[in-house]
Amino acid sequence: MPERAVSDGEELFWRLAELLLADPMVTRSTMMGFPCLRVNGKFFACVERSTGNLVVKLAADQVKELVGSGAGIAFAPNGRVFREWVAFPVPDEAEWTDLLEQAESFVRG
């Protein structure tokens, strides 16, 4: 069976995740079949393997603002919009680093 090609987004996600995984409270997991990160057992980021999009959990108001401005895309697997989740399709190391840090902080409370 041929190996699945890894997208640029997925590769960047895991490279940035390595820094976060240095914290023993941050772990790898899956959410709805997507590879993801958790902190203290709570999901805060994942990567959509089919698109390579980074998906992060942020405050609903921030998600609404990001989607409204066009900076992010509503995360709606199977047509159901998740109000505290937003997707970012363009792999950008600086932006994704910041988003991962924001999402981890949001979930930690």
C-alpha atoms as a PDB file:
ATOM      1  CA  MET A   1       0.000   0.000   0.000  1.00  0.00           C
ATOM      2  CA  PRO A   2       1.511   3.384  -0.979  1.00  0.00           C
ATOM      3  CA  GLU A   3       2.154   5.909   1.775  1.00  0.00           C
ATOM      4  CA  ARG A   4      -0.200   8.874   1.994  1.00  0.00           C
ATOM      5  CA  ALA A   5       1.397  12.145   0.932  1.00  0.00           C
ATOM      6  CA  VAL A   6       1.758  14.620   3.775  1.00  0.00           C
ATOM      7  CA  SER A   7       0.563  18.124   2.920  1.00  0.00           C
ATOM      8  CA  ASP A   8       2.657  21.216   3.595  1.00  0.00           C
ATOM      9  CA  GLY A   9       0.088  22.218   6.212  1.00  0.00           C
ATOM     10  CA  GLU A  10       0.260  18.903   8.023  1.00  0.00           C
ATOM     11  CA  GLU A  11       4.070  18.931   7.965  1.00  0.00           C
ATOM     12  CA  LEU A  12       4.137  22.470   9.407  1.00  0.00           C
ATOM     13  CA  PHE A  13       1.522  21.564  12.027  1.00  0.00           C
ATOM     14  CA  TRP A  14       3.625  18.687  13.380  1.00  0.00           C
ATOM     15  CA  ARG A  15       6.852  20.700  13.251  1.00  0.00           C
ATOM     16  CA  LEU A  16       5.247  23.457  15.351  1.00  0.00           C
ATOM     17  CA  ALA A  17       3.526  20.898  17.569  1.00  0.00           C
ATOM     18  CA  GLU A  18       6.901  19.466  18.604  1.00  0.00           C
ATOM     19  CA  LEU A  19       7.620  22.675  20.520  1.00  0.00           C
ATOM     20  CA  LEU A  20       4.281  22.453  22.337  1.00  0.00           C
ATOM     21  CA  LEU A  21       4.714  18.744  23.054  1.00  0.00           C
ATOM     22  CA  ALA A  22       7.746  19.596  25.215  1.00  0.00           C
ATOM     23  CA  ASP A  23       5.111  20.429  27.867  1.00  0.00           C
ATOM     24  CA  PRO A  24       3.995  17.117  29.435  1.00  0.00           C
ATOM     25  CA  MET A  25       0.426  18.462  29.685  1.00  0.00           C
ATOM     26  CA  VAL A  26       0.242  18.696  25.862  1.00  0.00           C
ATOM     27  CA  THR A  27      -0.470  15.400  24.103  1.00  0.00           C
ATOM     28  CA  ARG A  28      -1.213  14.042  20.634  1.00  0.00           C
ATOM     29  CA  SER A  29      -4.670  12.639  19.993  1.00  0.00           C
ATOM     30  CA  THR A  30      -7.393  12.483  17.356  1.00  0.00           C
ATOM     31  CA  MET A  31     -10.632  14.436  17.105  1.00  0.00           C
ATOM     32  CA  MET A  32     -13.248  13.294  14.584  1.00  0.00           C
ATOM     33  CA  GLY A  33     -10.451  11.403  12.844  1.00  0.00           C
ATOM     34  CA  PHE A  34      -8.219  14.496  12.582  1.00  0.00           C
ATOM     35  CA  PRO A  35      -4.756  14.446  14.183  1.00  0.00           C
ATOM     36  CA  CYS A  36      -4.894  16.911  17.052  1.00  0.00           C
ATOM     37  CA  LEU A  37      -3.317  18.337  20.171  1.00  0.00           C
ATOM     38  CA  ARG A  38      -4.786  18.432  23.660  1.00  0.00           C
ATOM     39  CA  VAL A  39      -3.760  20.222  26.806  1.00  0.00           C
ATOM     40  CA  ASN A  40      -4.955  18.865  30.132  1.00  0.00           C
ATOM     41  CA  GLY A  41      -7.197  16.534  28.095  1.00  0.00           C
ATOM     42  CA  LYS A  42      -8.920  19.371  26.184  1.00  0.00           C
ATOM     43  CA  PHE A  43      -8.649  19.703  22.394  1.00  0.00           C
ATOM     44  CA  PHE A  44      -7.088  22.941  21.161  1.00  0.00           C
ATOM     45  CA  ALA A  45      -5.762  22.347  17.635  1.00  0.00           C
ATOM     46  CA  CYS A  46      -5.915  19.904  14.771  1.00  0.00           C
ATOM     47  CA  VAL A  47      -4.949  19.586  11.146  1.00  0.00           C
ATOM     48  CA  GLU A  48      -7.374  18.539   8.419  1.00  0.00           C
ATOM     49  CA  ARG A  49      -5.495  15.874   6.497  1.00  0.00           C
ATOM     50  CA  SER A  50      -7.598  16.344   3.361  1.00  0.00           C
ATOM     51  CA  THR A  51      -6.867  20.088   3.124  1.00  0.00           C
ATOM     52  CA  GLY A  52      -3.820  20.692   5.311  1.00  0.00           C
ATOM     53  CA  ASN A  53      -5.771  23.411   7.122  1.00  0.00           C
ATOM     54  CA  LEU A  54      -4.779  24.330  10.662  1.00  0.00           C
ATOM     55  CA  VAL A  55      -7.871  24.306  12.875  1.00  0.00           C
ATOM     56  CA  VAL A  56      -7.738  25.957  16.301  1.00  0.00           C
ATOM     57  CA  LYS A  57     -10.120  26.520  19.190  1.00  0.00           C
ATOM     58  CA  LEU A  58     -10.587  30.166  20.161  1.00  0.00           C
ATOM     59  CA  ALA A  59     -13.272  32.267  21.821  1.00  0.00           C
ATOM     60  CA  ALA A  60     -16.475  32.346  19.745  1.00  0.00           C
ATOM     61  CA  ASP A  61     -16.283  36.148  19.338  1.00  0.00           C
ATOM     62  CA  GLN A  62     -12.723  35.918  18.037  1.00  0.00           C
ATOM     63  CA  VAL A  63     -13.710  33.138  15.617  1.00  0.00           C
ATOM     64  CA  LYS A  64     -16.610  35.241  14.333  1.00  0.00           C
ATOM     65  CA  GLU A  65     -14.261  38.200  13.806  1.00  0.00           C
ATOM     66  CA  LEU A  66     -11.624  36.080  12.015  1.00  0.00           C
ATOM     67  CA  VAL A  67     -14.195  34.484   9.719  1.00  0.00           C
ATOM     68  CA  GLY A  68     -15.928  37.821   9.088  1.00  0.00           C
ATOM     69  CA  SER A  69     -12.644  39.500   8.120  1.00  0.00           C
ATOM     70  CA  GLY A  70     -11.686  36.633   5.815  1.00  0.00           C
ATOM     71  CA  ALA A  71      -8.588  35.815   7.894  1.00  0.00           C
ATOM     72  CA  GLY A  72     -10.042  32.410   8.786  1.00  0.00           C
ATOM     73  CA  ILE A  73     -12.620  29.935   7.508  1.00  0.00           C
ATOM     74  CA  ALA A  74     -15.527  28.545   9.505  1.00  0.00           C
ATOM     75  CA  PHE A  75     -14.759  24.990  10.589  1.00  0.00           C
ATOM     76  CA  ALA A  76     -17.785  22.997   9.449  1.00  0.00           C
ATOM     77  CA  PRO A  77     -17.076  19.304   9.019  1.00  0.00           C
ATOM     78  CA  ASN A  78     -20.109  17.546   7.564  1.00  0.00           C
ATOM     79  CA  GLY A  79     -21.854  20.934   7.276  1.00  0.00           C
ATOM     80  CA  ARG A  80     -22.076  21.645  11.028  1.00  0.00           C
ATOM     81  CA  VAL A  81     -20.325  24.898  12.010  1.00  0.00           C
ATOM     82  CA  PHE A  82     -18.319  24.740  15.238  1.00  0.00           C
ATOM     83  CA  ARG A  83     -18.561  28.214  16.781  1.00  0.00           C
ATOM     84  CA  GLU A  84     -15.287  28.034  18.718  1.00  0.00           C
ATOM     85  CA  TRP A  85     -13.211  26.515  15.911  1.00  0.00           C
ATOM     86  CA  VAL A  86     -11.648  28.272  12.925  1.00  0.00           C
ATOM     87  CA  ALA A  87      -9.537  26.973  10.019  1.00  0.00           C
ATOM     88  CA  PHE A  88      -6.502  28.545   8.356  1.00  0.00           C
ATOM     89  CA  PRO A  89      -5.660  27.187   4.890  1.00  0.00           C
ATOM     90  CA  VAL A  90      -2.336  28.893   4.160  1.00  0.00           C
ATOM     91  CA  PRO A  91       0.656  27.358   5.942  1.00  0.00           C
ATOM     92  CA  ASP A  92       2.425  30.314   7.551  1.00  0.00           C
ATOM     93  CA  GLU A  93       4.920  29.511  10.292  1.00  0.00           C
ATOM     94  CA  ALA A  94       4.668  32.812  12.182  1.00  0.00           C
ATOM     95  CA  GLU A  95       0.874  32.996  11.987  1.00  0.00           C
ATOM     96  CA  TRP A  96       0.365  29.326  12.883  1.00  0.00           C
ATOM     97  CA  THR A  97       2.801  29.563  15.815  1.00  0.00           C
ATOM     98  CA  ASP A  98       0.794  32.481  17.189  1.00  0.00           C
ATOM     99  CA  LEU A  99      -2.543  30.731  16.593  1.00  0.00           C
ATOM    100  CA  LEU A 100      -1.386  27.529  18.309  1.00  0.00           C
ATOM    101  CA  GLU A 101      -0.205  29.546  21.311  1.00  0.00           C
ATOM    102  CA  GLN A 102      -3.512  31.456  21.453  1.00  0.00           C
ATOM    103  CA  ALA A 103      -5.530  28.241  21.219  1.00  0.00           C
ATOM    104  CA  GLU A 104      -3.515  26.484  23.916  1.00  0.00           C
ATOM    105  CA  SER A 105      -3.877  29.503  26.203  1.00  0.00           C
ATOM    106  CA  PHE A 106      -7.626  29.731  25.522  1.00  0.00           C
ATOM    107  CA  VAL A 107      -8.203  26.084  26.424  1.00  0.00           C
ATOM    108  CA  ARG A 108      -6.012  26.267  29.525  1.00  0.00           C
ATOM    109  CA  GLY A 109      -8.238  29.122  30.722  1.00  0.00           C
END
